[in-house]
Amino acid sequence: IWKDTFATLKAKDGVFSVLGNHDYGDYVSWETPEKKQENLKELIALQKDMGWDVLLNESRTIKREQQSIKLVGVENWGEGGFKKAGDLDKACQDVSVQDFTILMSHDPSHWQSRVKQHPKNIHLTLSGHTHGMQFGIEIPGWFKWSPVKYRYQNWAGIYKEFGRYINVNRGFGYLGYPGRVGIWPEVTVITLKKKPKSA
């Protein structure tokens, strides 16, 4: 049922995805390492069957007239005990410092540790992972707090450092407790606009 629902997502330039920490099957017992690897292959194939472009440490170019955006996607890379399969240097091989670059990286700790000062000048990173801990207090535009802030410096919303941005989406699912308290599910819509020409 989820496959049919997600397959309805369509976009002019394609639908793109990256892997997160749960996708590798690290939190499940497997009979053999081969079955674990086969599960990952099936998950990637499922996304491709839905028409999605799964970015596995690679990039794509999206063009509009004479302008373009580089979209980079890495496998999961997270601080602490989380999988570090993301290879940012490999993913950025076809990216120049002049490119406007958007990175999809599941875990926002990747941005703090590796991305925000990367020499390829990644302008915007899109992350998730934290769920806002599914618990917190938010008064939009004024105040937001969740205990997850003690684990993740960037846990919800937009942050800027060194002239680069990250948006951390709190998602709409759950982990463990089947609900949310004070942390609403969210879908982020970001509209990119061309910089006006100076007179």
N, C-alpha and C. Protein backbone atom coordinates (compact mmCIF):
# COMPACT_ATOMS: atom_id res chain seq x y z
N ILE A 1 0.83 -1.20 0.00
CA ILE A 1 0.00 0.00 0.00
C ILE A 1 0.87 1.27 0.00
N TRP A 2 1.97 1.27 0.77
CA TRP A 2 2.84 2.45 0.80
C TRP A 2 3.49 2.67 -0.55
N LYS A 3 3.87 1.58 -1.20
CA LYS A 3 4.51 1.71 -2.51
C LYS A 3 3.58 2.42 -3.48
N ASP A 4 2.33 2.02 -3.53
CA ASP A 4 1.37 2.64 -4.45
C ASP A 4 1.17 4.12 -4.12
N THR A 5 1.13 4.43 -2.83
CA THR A 5 0.94 5.83 -2.42
C THR A 5 2.14 6.68 -2.79
N PHE A 6 3.33 6.22 -2.44
CA PHE A 6 4.53 7.01 -2.74
C PHE A 6 4.81 7.09 -4.24
N ALA A 7 4.37 6.09 -4.99
CA ALA A 7 4.59 6.10 -6.44
C ALA A 7 3.79 7.21 -7.12
N THR A 8 2.80 7.77 -6.42
CA THR A 8 2.02 8.87 -7.01
C THR A 8 2.78 10.19 -6.96
N LEU A 9 3.87 10.25 -6.19
CA LEU A 9 4.67 11.48 -6.16
C LEU A 9 5.36 11.67 -7.50
N LYS A 10 5.11 12.78 -8.12
CA LYS A 10 5.71 13.09 -9.42
C LYS A 10 6.25 14.51 -9.38
N ALA A 11 7.30 14.74 -10.14
CA ALA A 11 7.87 16.09 -10.24
C ALA A 11 8.49 16.25 -11.62
N LYS A 12 8.46 17.46 -12.11
CA LYS A 12 8.96 17.75 -13.46
C LYS A 12 10.38 17.25 -13.67
N ASP A 13 11.23 17.44 -12.67
CA ASP A 13 12.64 17.06 -12.80
C ASP A 13 12.97 15.75 -12.10
N GLY A 14 11.95 15.04 -11.63
CA GLY A 14 12.17 13.75 -10.99
C GLY A 14 11.98 13.80 -9.49
N VAL A 15 11.84 12.62 -8.91
CA VAL A 15 11.73 12.46 -7.46
C VAL A 15 13.01 11.77 -6.99
N PHE A 16 13.67 12.37 -6.02
CA PHE A 16 14.98 11.88 -5.58
C PHE A 16 14.91 11.43 -4.13
N SER A 17 15.73 10.45 -3.78
CA SER A 17 15.76 9.96 -2.40
C SER A 17 17.18 9.58 -2.01
N VAL A 18 17.39 9.48 -0.71
CA VAL A 18 18.65 8.97 -0.16
C VAL A 18 18.32 7.97 0.95
N LEU A 19 19.32 7.23 1.36
CA LEU A 19 19.13 6.24 2.41
C LEU A 19 19.35 6.87 3.79
N GLY A 20 18.58 6.39 4.76
CA GLY A 20 18.75 6.79 6.15
C GLY A 20 19.24 5.61 6.98
N ASN A 21 19.50 5.85 8.24
CA ASN A 21 20.11 4.82 9.08
C ASN A 21 19.29 3.53 9.17
N HIS A 22 17.96 3.63 9.17
CA HIS A 22 17.14 2.43 9.30
C HIS A 22 17.11 1.59 8.03
N ASP A 23 17.48 2.15 6.91
CA ASP A 23 17.37 1.44 5.63
C ASP A 23 18.36 0.29 5.49
N TYR A 24 19.42 0.29 6.27
CA TYR A 24 20.46 -0.72 6.13
C TYR A 24 20.15 -2.01 6.89
N GLY A 25 19.10 -2.00 7.69
CA GLY A 25 18.73 -3.20 8.43
C GLY A 25 19.61 -3.48 9.63
N ASP A 26 20.29 -2.46 10.14
CA ASP A 26 21.22 -2.66 11.25
C ASP A 26 20.52 -2.94 12.58
N TYR A 27 19.22 -2.68 12.67
CA TYR A 27 18.52 -2.84 13.94
C TYR A 27 17.67 -4.10 13.97
N VAL A 28 17.94 -5.01 13.04
CA VAL A 28 17.19 -6.27 12.92
C VAL A 28 18.20 -7.41 12.89
N SER A 29 17.82 -8.55 13.45
CA SER A 29 18.68 -9.74 13.39
C SER A 29 18.44 -10.45 12.06
N TRP A 30 19.51 -10.78 11.36
CA TRP A 30 19.42 -11.45 10.07
C TRP A 30 20.05 -12.83 10.18
N GLU A 31 19.51 -13.77 9.43
CA GLU A 31 20.06 -15.14 9.45
C GLU A 31 21.48 -15.15 8.91
N THR A 32 21.72 -14.34 7.88
CA THR A 32 23.05 -14.26 7.28
C THR A 32 23.33 -12.83 6.84
N PRO A 33 24.60 -12.46 6.70
CA PRO A 33 24.92 -11.13 6.16
C PRO A 33 24.39 -10.95 4.73
N GLU A 34 24.32 -12.05 3.99
CA GLU A 34 23.82 -11.98 2.62
C GLU A 34 22.35 -11.57 2.58
N LYS A 35 21.55 -12.09 3.52
CA LYS A 35 20.13 -11.73 3.56
C LYS A 35 19.95 -10.26 3.93
N LYS A 36 20.81 -9.78 4.80
CA LYS A 36 20.77 -8.35 5.15
C LYS A 36 21.08 -7.50 3.93
N GLN A 37 22.10 -7.88 3.17
CA GLN A 37 22.47 -7.14 1.97
C GLN A 37 21.38 -7.22 0.91
N GLU A 38 20.75 -8.39 0.81
CA GLU A 38 19.66 -8.57 -0.16
C GLU A 38 18.48 -7.67 0.18
N ASN A 39 18.21 -7.50 1.48
CA ASN A 39 17.13 -6.62 1.91
C ASN A 39 17.38 -5.18 1.46
N LEU A 40 18.63 -4.73 1.61
CA LEU A 40 18.98 -3.37 1.18
C LEU A 40 18.80 -3.22 -0.33
N LYS A 41 19.24 -4.22 -1.08
CA LYS A 41 19.08 -4.18 -2.53
C LYS A 41 17.61 -4.11 -2.92
N GLU A 42 16.77 -4.87 -2.21
CA GLU A 42 15.33 -4.86 -2.49
C GLU A 42 14.72 -3.50 -2.17
N LEU A 43 15.18 -2.87 -1.10
CA LEU A 43 14.67 -1.55 -0.73
C LEU A 43 15.01 -0.51 -1.80
N ILE A 44 16.24 -0.57 -2.29
CA ILE A 44 16.65 0.36 -3.35
C ILE A 44 15.86 0.08 -4.63
N ALA A 45 15.68 -1.20 -4.96
CA ALA A 45 14.91 -1.57 -6.15
C ALA A 45 13.46 -1.11 -6.04
N LEU A 46 12.90 -1.20 -4.84
CA LEU A 46 11.52 -0.76 -4.60
C LEU A 46 11.37 0.73 -4.91
N GLN A 47 12.33 1.52 -4.45
CA GLN A 47 12.26 2.96 -4.71
C GLN A 47 12.39 3.25 -6.21
N LYS A 48 13.25 2.50 -6.87
CA LYS A 48 13.40 2.68 -8.32
C LYS A 48 12.12 2.27 -9.04
N ASP A 49 11.46 1.21 -8.56
CA ASP A 49 10.18 0.78 -9.15
C ASP A 49 9.12 1.87 -9.02
N MET A 50 9.22 2.68 -7.98
CA MET A 50 8.27 3.78 -7.78
C MET A 50 8.60 4.98 -8.67
N GLY A 51 9.70 4.88 -9.39
CA GLY A 51 10.11 5.99 -10.25
C GLY A 51 11.04 6.97 -9.59
N TRP A 52 11.55 6.61 -8.41
CA TRP A 52 12.45 7.51 -7.69
C TRP A 52 13.89 7.28 -8.14
N ASP A 53 14.67 8.32 -8.06
CA ASP A 53 16.10 8.27 -8.36
C ASP A 53 16.83 8.25 -7.01
N VAL A 54 17.33 7.08 -6.63
CA VAL A 54 18.03 6.92 -5.35
C VAL A 54 19.48 7.35 -5.53
N LEU A 55 19.88 8.40 -4.83
CA LEU A 55 21.23 8.92 -4.95
C LEU A 55 22.14 8.25 -3.92
N LEU A 56 23.07 7.45 -4.41
CA LEU A 56 23.99 6.69 -3.56
C LEU A 56 25.40 7.25 -3.72
N ASN A 57 25.68 8.33 -3.01
CA ASN A 57 26.97 9.02 -3.12
C ASN A 57 27.23 9.47 -4.56
N GLU A 58 26.24 10.20 -5.11
CA GLU A 58 26.34 10.67 -6.49
C GLU A 58 25.54 11.96 -6.65
N SER A 59 25.63 12.54 -7.84
CA SER A 59 24.95 13.82 -8.09
C SER A 59 24.19 13.79 -9.40
N ARG A 60 23.26 14.74 -9.53
CA ARG A 60 22.50 14.94 -10.76
C ARG A 60 22.51 16.44 -11.06
N THR A 61 22.29 16.77 -12.32
CA THR A 61 22.19 18.17 -12.73
C THR A 61 20.77 18.46 -13.17
N ILE A 62 20.17 19.48 -12.58
CA ILE A 62 18.83 19.92 -12.95
C ILE A 62 18.99 21.24 -13.70
N LYS A 63 18.46 21.29 -14.92
CA LYS A 63 18.67 22.47 -15.77
C LYS A 63 17.38 23.23 -16.01
N ARG A 64 17.51 24.54 -16.05
CA ARG A 64 16.43 25.46 -16.41
C ARG A 64 17.04 26.51 -17.32
N GLU A 65 16.63 26.51 -18.57
CA GLU A 65 17.18 27.44 -19.55
C GLU A 65 18.70 27.34 -19.54
N GLN A 66 19.40 28.43 -19.25
CA GLN A 66 20.87 28.36 -19.25
C GLN A 66 21.44 28.21 -17.84
N GLN A 67 20.60 27.87 -16.88
CA GLN A 67 21.07 27.74 -15.50
C GLN A 67 20.89 26.31 -15.01
N SER A 68 21.64 25.96 -13.98
CA SER A 68 21.54 24.60 -13.47
C SER A 68 21.79 24.55 -11.96
N ILE A 69 21.32 23.48 -11.38
CA ILE A 69 21.53 23.19 -9.96
C ILE A 69 22.12 21.80 -9.87
N LYS A 70 23.09 21.63 -9.01
CA LYS A 70 23.61 20.30 -8.74
C LYS A 70 22.88 19.74 -7.52
N LEU A 71 22.29 18.58 -7.68
CA LEU A 71 21.65 17.89 -6.58
C LEU A 71 22.52 16.70 -6.20
N VAL A 72 23.01 16.71 -4.97
CA VAL A 72 23.93 15.67 -4.49
C VAL A 72 23.21 14.85 -3.42
N GLY A 73 23.39 13.54 -3.47
CA GLY A 73 22.80 12.68 -2.44
C GLY A 73 23.82 11.71 -1.92
N VAL A 74 23.89 11.59 -0.60
CA VAL A 74 24.83 10.66 0.02
C VAL A 74 24.08 9.60 0.83
N GLU A 75 24.73 8.47 0.98
CA GLU A 75 24.20 7.45 1.88
C GLU A 75 24.31 7.98 3.31
N ASN A 76 23.71 7.26 4.25
CA ASN A 76 23.68 7.76 5.63
C ASN A 76 25.09 7.99 6.17
N TRP A 77 25.24 9.12 6.84
CA TRP A 77 26.46 9.44 7.59
C TRP A 77 26.00 10.14 8.86
N GLY A 78 26.27 9.51 10.01
CA GLY A 78 25.85 10.11 11.27
C GLY A 78 26.91 9.98 12.34
N GLU A 79 26.97 10.99 13.21
CA GLU A 79 27.90 10.95 14.34
C GLU A 79 27.51 9.83 15.30
N GLY A 80 28.45 9.49 16.17
CA GLY A 80 28.18 8.45 17.16
C GLY A 80 28.17 7.07 16.51
N GLY A 81 27.26 6.23 16.95
CA GLY A 81 27.22 4.86 16.47
C GLY A 81 26.48 4.65 15.17
N PHE A 82 26.07 5.73 14.50
CA PHE A 82 25.31 5.58 13.26
C PHE A 82 26.22 5.27 12.07
N LYS A 83 25.65 4.60 11.11
CA LYS A 83 26.40 4.20 9.91
C LYS A 83 27.00 5.42 9.22
N LYS A 84 28.23 5.23 8.76
CA LYS A 84 28.95 6.28 8.06
C LYS A 84 29.27 5.80 6.64
N ALA A 85 28.22 5.54 5.86
CA ALA A 85 28.39 5.07 4.49
C ALA A 85 28.46 6.23 3.50
N GLY A 86 28.08 7.42 3.94
CA GLY A 86 28.09 8.58 3.05
C GLY A 86 29.51 8.98 2.67
N ASP A 87 29.72 9.19 1.38
CA ASP A 87 31.03 9.61 0.87
C ASP A 87 30.83 10.93 0.10
N LEU A 88 30.99 12.02 0.81
CA LEU A 88 30.71 13.34 0.24
C LEU A 88 31.67 13.69 -0.90
N ASP A 89 32.94 13.34 -0.75
CA ASP A 89 33.90 13.64 -1.81
C ASP A 89 33.55 12.90 -3.10
N LYS A 90 33.19 11.64 -2.98
CA LYS A 90 32.78 10.86 -4.16
C LYS A 90 31.52 11.45 -4.78
N ALA A 91 30.56 11.80 -3.94
CA ALA A 91 29.29 12.34 -4.42
C ALA A 91 29.48 13.67 -5.14
N CYS A 92 30.51 14.42 -4.75
CA CYS A 92 30.74 15.76 -5.33
C CYS A 92 31.77 15.77 -6.45
N GLN A 93 32.13 14.61 -6.96
CA GLN A 93 33.16 14.55 -8.01
C GLN A 93 32.82 15.43 -9.22
N ASP A 94 31.55 15.49 -9.58
CA ASP A 94 31.15 16.26 -10.76
C ASP A 94 30.65 17.66 -10.41
N VAL A 95 30.92 18.11 -9.20
CA VAL A 95 30.46 19.42 -8.73
C VAL A 95 31.64 20.39 -8.72
N SER A 96 31.43 21.58 -9.28
CA SER A 96 32.47 22.60 -9.23
C SER A 96 32.12 23.62 -8.16
N VAL A 97 33.09 24.43 -7.77
CA VAL A 97 32.84 25.43 -6.73
C VAL A 97 31.88 26.51 -7.21
N GLN A 98 31.69 26.63 -8.53
CA GLN A 98 30.76 27.63 -9.07
C GLN A 98 29.31 27.14 -9.08
N ASP A 99 29.10 25.84 -8.95
CA ASP A 99 27.74 25.28 -9.01
C ASP A 99 26.92 25.67 -7.78
N PHE A 100 25.64 25.95 -8.01
CA PHE A 100 24.71 26.05 -6.89
C PHE A 100 24.36 24.62 -6.52
N THR A 101 24.65 24.23 -5.28
CA THR A 101 24.58 22.83 -4.90
C THR A 101 23.65 22.60 -3.72
N ILE A 102 22.78 21.61 -3.88
CA ILE A 102 21.89 21.16 -2.82
C ILE A 102 22.27 19.73 -2.47
N LEU A 103 22.44 19.47 -1.19
CA LEU A 103 22.80 18.14 -0.71
C LEU A 103 21.64 17.51 0.04
N MET A 104 21.36 16.25 -0.26
CA MET A 104 20.42 15.45 0.53
C MET A 104 21.25 14.50 1.39
N SER A 105 21.19 14.68 2.70
CA SER A 105 21.92 13.84 3.65
C SER A 105 21.02 13.61 4.85
N HIS A 106 20.69 12.37 5.13
CA HIS A 106 19.66 12.04 6.12
C HIS A 106 19.92 12.62 7.51
N ASP A 107 21.13 12.53 7.99
CA ASP A 107 21.44 12.88 9.38
C ASP A 107 22.08 14.27 9.45
N PRO A 108 21.48 15.21 10.21
CA PRO A 108 22.03 16.57 10.25
C PRO A 108 23.40 16.68 10.92
N SER A 109 23.82 15.66 11.67
CA SER A 109 25.16 15.73 12.26
C SER A 109 26.23 15.68 11.17
N HIS A 110 25.89 15.16 10.01
CA HIS A 110 26.81 15.16 8.87
C HIS A 110 27.16 16.60 8.47
N TRP A 111 26.15 17.47 8.51
CA TRP A 111 26.37 18.88 8.15
C TRP A 111 27.36 19.52 9.12
N GLN A 112 27.17 19.31 10.41
CA GLN A 112 28.07 19.89 11.41
C GLN A 112 29.49 19.36 11.25
N SER A 113 29.63 18.07 10.99
CA SER A 113 30.95 17.44 10.99
C SER A 113 31.71 17.56 9.68
N ARG A 114 31.00 17.51 8.56
CA ARG A 114 31.69 17.39 7.28
C ARG A 114 31.25 18.39 6.20
N VAL A 115 30.00 18.80 6.24
CA VAL A 115 29.43 19.50 5.08
C VAL A 115 29.63 21.00 5.12
N LYS A 116 29.39 21.63 6.25
CA LYS A 116 29.29 23.10 6.27
C LYS A 116 30.59 23.81 5.90
N GLN A 117 31.72 23.12 5.99
CA GLN A 117 32.98 23.73 5.58
C GLN A 117 33.64 22.97 4.43
N HIS A 118 32.86 22.14 3.75
CA HIS A 118 33.41 21.36 2.63
C HIS A 118 33.85 22.31 1.51
N PRO A 119 34.98 22.02 0.87
CA PRO A 119 35.50 22.93 -0.16
C PRO A 119 34.59 23.11 -1.38
N LYS A 120 33.64 22.21 -1.61
CA LYS A 120 32.77 22.34 -2.78
C LYS A 120 31.64 23.35 -2.57
N ASN A 121 31.55 23.98 -1.42
CA ASN A 121 30.57 25.04 -1.16
C ASN A 121 29.14 24.57 -1.40
N ILE A 122 28.67 23.71 -0.54
CA ILE A 122 27.30 23.20 -0.62
C ILE A 122 26.37 24.23 0.01
N HIS A 123 25.53 24.82 -0.81
CA HIS A 123 24.70 25.96 -0.39
C HIS A 123 23.57 25.57 0.55
N LEU A 124 22.92 24.44 0.26
CA LEU A 124 21.76 24.02 1.05
C LEU A 124 21.80 22.52 1.27
N THR A 125 21.64 22.11 2.51
CA THR A 125 21.55 20.69 2.86
C THR A 125 20.15 20.41 3.37
N LEU A 126 19.58 19.30 2.91
CA LEU A 126 18.26 18.86 3.35
C LEU A 126 18.44 17.58 4.16
N SER A 127 18.00 17.62 5.42
CA SER A 127 18.16 16.48 6.32
C SER A 127 16.85 16.18 7.05
N GLY A 128 16.89 15.13 7.83
CA GLY A 128 15.74 14.73 8.65
C GLY A 128 16.24 14.07 9.92
N HIS A 129 15.90 12.80 10.09
CA HIS A 129 16.46 11.92 11.11
C HIS A 129 15.99 12.16 12.54
N THR A 130 15.90 13.39 12.99
CA THR A 130 15.68 13.64 14.42
C THR A 130 14.25 13.41 14.88
N HIS A 131 13.28 13.53 13.97
CA HIS A 131 11.84 13.45 14.28
C HIS A 131 11.44 14.54 15.29
N GLY A 132 12.34 15.46 15.61
CA GLY A 132 12.07 16.39 16.70
C GLY A 132 11.83 15.64 17.99
N MET A 133 12.32 14.40 18.03
CA MET A 133 12.14 13.46 19.14
C MET A 133 10.66 13.16 19.42
N GLN A 134 9.78 13.65 18.50
CA GLN A 134 8.34 13.45 18.63
C GLN A 134 7.78 14.05 19.92
N PHE A 135 8.58 14.92 20.53
CA PHE A 135 8.14 15.53 21.79
C PHE A 135 8.79 16.89 21.93
N GLY A 136 8.01 17.89 22.27
CA GLY A 136 8.57 19.22 22.47
C GLY A 136 7.49 20.27 22.60
N ILE A 137 7.93 21.49 22.58
CA ILE A 137 7.03 22.64 22.66
C ILE A 137 7.40 23.58 21.52
N GLU A 138 6.39 24.04 20.80
CA GLU A 138 6.67 25.00 19.73
C GLU A 138 5.56 26.04 19.65
N ILE A 139 5.99 27.28 19.63
CA ILE A 139 5.11 28.41 19.32
C ILE A 139 5.70 29.01 18.05
N PRO A 140 5.10 28.70 16.88
CA PRO A 140 5.71 29.07 15.60
C PRO A 140 6.14 30.53 15.54
N GLY A 141 7.38 30.71 15.07
CA GLY A 141 7.94 32.04 14.92
C GLY A 141 8.47 32.66 16.20
N TRP A 142 8.32 31.96 17.31
CA TRP A 142 8.75 32.54 18.58
C TRP A 142 9.62 31.60 19.41
N PHE A 143 9.20 30.34 19.56
CA PHE A 143 9.91 29.45 20.48
C PHE A 143 9.73 28.00 20.04
N LYS A 144 10.82 27.25 20.12
CA LYS A 144 10.73 25.80 19.93
C LYS A 144 11.77 25.13 20.81
N TRP A 145 11.35 24.03 21.40
CA TRP A 145 12.25 23.28 22.29
C TRP A 145 11.89 21.80 22.24
N SER A 146 12.90 20.98 22.26
CA SER A 146 12.74 19.54 22.38
C SER A 146 14.00 18.99 23.04
N PRO A 147 13.88 17.93 23.82
CA PRO A 147 15.10 17.36 24.41
C PRO A 147 16.10 16.85 23.38
N VAL A 148 15.66 16.67 22.14
CA VAL A 148 16.59 16.22 21.10
C VAL A 148 17.68 17.26 20.84
N LYS A 149 17.45 18.52 21.25
CA LYS A 149 18.46 19.57 21.05
C LYS A 149 19.75 19.28 21.81
N TYR A 150 19.67 18.43 22.83
CA TYR A 150 20.87 18.09 23.59
C TYR A 150 21.70 17.01 22.89
N ARG A 151 21.13 16.42 21.84
CA ARG A 151 21.84 15.42 21.04
C ARG A 151 22.24 15.98 19.68
N TYR A 152 21.37 16.83 19.11
CA TYR A 152 21.61 17.39 17.79
C TYR A 152 21.57 18.90 17.83
N GLN A 153 22.65 19.52 17.39
CA GLN A 153 22.71 20.98 17.35
C GLN A 153 21.67 21.53 16.38
N ASN A 154 21.47 20.83 15.27
CA ASN A 154 20.49 21.21 14.26
C ASN A 154 19.41 20.14 14.25
N TRP A 155 18.27 20.43 14.86
CA TRP A 155 17.27 19.37 15.04
C TRP A 155 15.94 19.65 14.37
N ALA A 156 15.64 20.90 14.00
CA ALA A 156 14.37 21.21 13.33
C ALA A 156 14.44 22.60 12.73
N GLY A 157 14.06 22.71 11.47
CA GLY A 157 14.01 24.01 10.83
C GLY A 157 15.28 24.38 10.09
N ILE A 158 15.44 25.69 9.87
CA ILE A 158 16.54 26.20 9.05
C ILE A 158 17.63 26.79 9.94
N TYR A 159 18.87 26.46 9.60
CA TYR A 159 20.05 26.97 10.29
C TYR A 159 21.03 27.49 9.24
N LYS A 160 21.85 28.46 9.64
CA LYS A 160 22.84 29.02 8.73
C LYS A 160 24.17 29.18 9.45
N GLU A 161 25.23 28.70 8.81
CA GLU A 161 26.60 28.91 9.29
C GLU A 161 27.51 29.01 8.08
N PHE A 162 28.49 29.87 8.16
CA PHE A 162 29.47 30.04 7.08
C PHE A 162 28.79 30.33 5.74
N GLY A 163 27.65 30.99 5.76
CA GLY A 163 26.94 31.32 4.53
C GLY A 163 26.24 30.13 3.89
N ARG A 164 26.14 29.03 4.61
CA ARG A 164 25.49 27.82 4.09
C ARG A 164 24.30 27.48 4.97
N TYR A 165 23.32 26.84 4.36
CA TYR A 165 22.08 26.54 5.07
C TYR A 165 21.83 25.04 5.19
N ILE A 166 21.11 24.68 6.25
CA ILE A 166 20.57 23.34 6.39
C ILE A 166 19.12 23.47 6.83
N ASN A 167 18.27 22.64 6.25
CA ASN A 167 16.88 22.53 6.71
C ASN A 167 16.69 21.11 7.23
N VAL A 168 16.30 21.01 8.51
CA VAL A 168 16.06 19.71 9.13
C VAL A 168 14.55 19.52 9.26
N ASN A 169 14.03 18.56 8.53
CA ASN A 169 12.61 18.25 8.54
C ASN A 169 12.32 17.22 9.62
N ARG A 170 11.25 17.43 10.38
CA ARG A 170 10.91 16.52 11.48
C ARG A 170 10.08 15.32 11.03
N GLY A 171 9.79 15.26 9.74
CA GLY A 171 9.10 14.10 9.19
C GLY A 171 7.65 13.99 9.62
N PHE A 172 7.05 12.87 9.27
CA PHE A 172 5.65 12.67 9.64
C PHE A 172 5.39 11.27 10.17
N GLY A 173 6.43 10.50 10.40
CA GLY A 173 6.27 9.17 10.98
C GLY A 173 6.65 9.17 12.44
N TYR A 174 7.00 7.99 12.92
CA TYR A 174 7.40 7.90 14.32
C TYR A 174 8.36 6.73 14.49
N LEU A 175 9.03 6.72 15.61
CA LEU A 175 9.90 5.62 16.01
C LEU A 175 9.60 5.33 17.47
N GLY A 176 9.35 4.08 17.79
CA GLY A 176 9.02 3.73 19.17
C GLY A 176 7.60 4.12 19.50
N TYR A 177 7.46 5.22 20.24
CA TYR A 177 6.13 5.71 20.63
C TYR A 177 5.34 6.10 19.38
N PRO A 178 4.14 5.52 19.19
CA PRO A 178 3.37 5.78 17.96
C PRO A 178 2.57 7.09 18.01
N GLY A 179 3.27 8.19 18.18
CA GLY A 179 2.58 9.47 18.23
C GLY A 179 3.57 10.61 18.38
N ARG A 180 3.03 11.80 18.56
CA ARG A 180 3.83 13.00 18.74
C ARG A 180 3.15 13.90 19.76
N VAL A 181 3.97 14.57 20.58
CA VAL A 181 3.45 15.51 21.56
C VAL A 181 4.14 16.85 21.32
N GLY A 182 3.40 17.81 20.81
CA GLY A 182 3.94 19.15 20.60
C GLY A 182 4.83 19.32 19.39
N ILE A 183 5.17 18.24 18.73
CA ILE A 183 6.01 18.30 17.52
C ILE A 183 5.17 17.79 16.36
N TRP A 184 4.66 18.70 15.58
CA TRP A 184 3.76 18.34 14.50
C TRP A 184 4.51 17.65 13.36
N PRO A 185 3.83 16.73 12.67
CA PRO A 185 4.41 16.19 11.43
C PRO A 185 4.60 17.33 10.44
N GLU A 186 5.55 17.19 9.54
CA GLU A 186 5.74 18.28 8.58
C GLU A 186 6.22 17.78 7.23
N VAL A 187 5.82 18.50 6.22
CA VAL A 187 6.33 18.38 4.87
C VAL A 187 6.86 19.76 4.52
N THR A 188 8.09 19.84 4.07
CA THR A 188 8.72 21.13 3.78
C THR A 188 8.62 21.45 2.29
N VAL A 189 8.20 22.65 1.98
CA VAL A 189 8.19 23.14 0.61
C VAL A 189 9.16 24.31 0.54
N ILE A 190 10.18 24.17 -0.27
CA ILE A 190 11.19 25.22 -0.43
C ILE A 190 11.12 25.72 -1.87
N THR A 191 10.94 27.01 -2.04
CA THR A 191 10.90 27.61 -3.38
C THR A 191 12.21 28.34 -3.62
N LEU A 192 12.94 27.91 -4.63
CA LEU A 192 14.19 28.56 -4.99
C LEU A 192 13.90 29.64 -6.02
N LYS A 193 14.46 30.81 -5.82
CA LYS A 193 14.24 31.92 -6.75
C LYS A 193 15.57 32.45 -7.27
N LYS A 194 15.54 32.84 -8.52
CA LYS A 194 16.73 33.40 -9.13
C LYS A 194 17.02 34.76 -8.52
N LYS A 195 18.28 35.01 -8.24
CA LYS A 195 18.68 36.30 -7.70
C LYS A 195 18.44 37.38 -8.76
N PRO A 196 17.78 38.48 -8.37
CA PRO A 196 17.54 39.54 -9.36
C PRO A 196 18.85 40.14 -9.86
N LYS A 197 18.86 40.49 -11.13
CA LYS A 197 20.06 41.12 -11.70
C LYS A 197 20.22 42.51 -11.13
N SER A 198 21.45 42.84 -10.76
CA SER A 198 21.70 44.18 -10.22
C SER A 198 21.71 45.19 -11.36
N ALA A 199 21.24 46.40 -11.06
CA ALA A 199 21.11 47.45 -12.09
C ALA A 199 22.46 48.01 -12.45
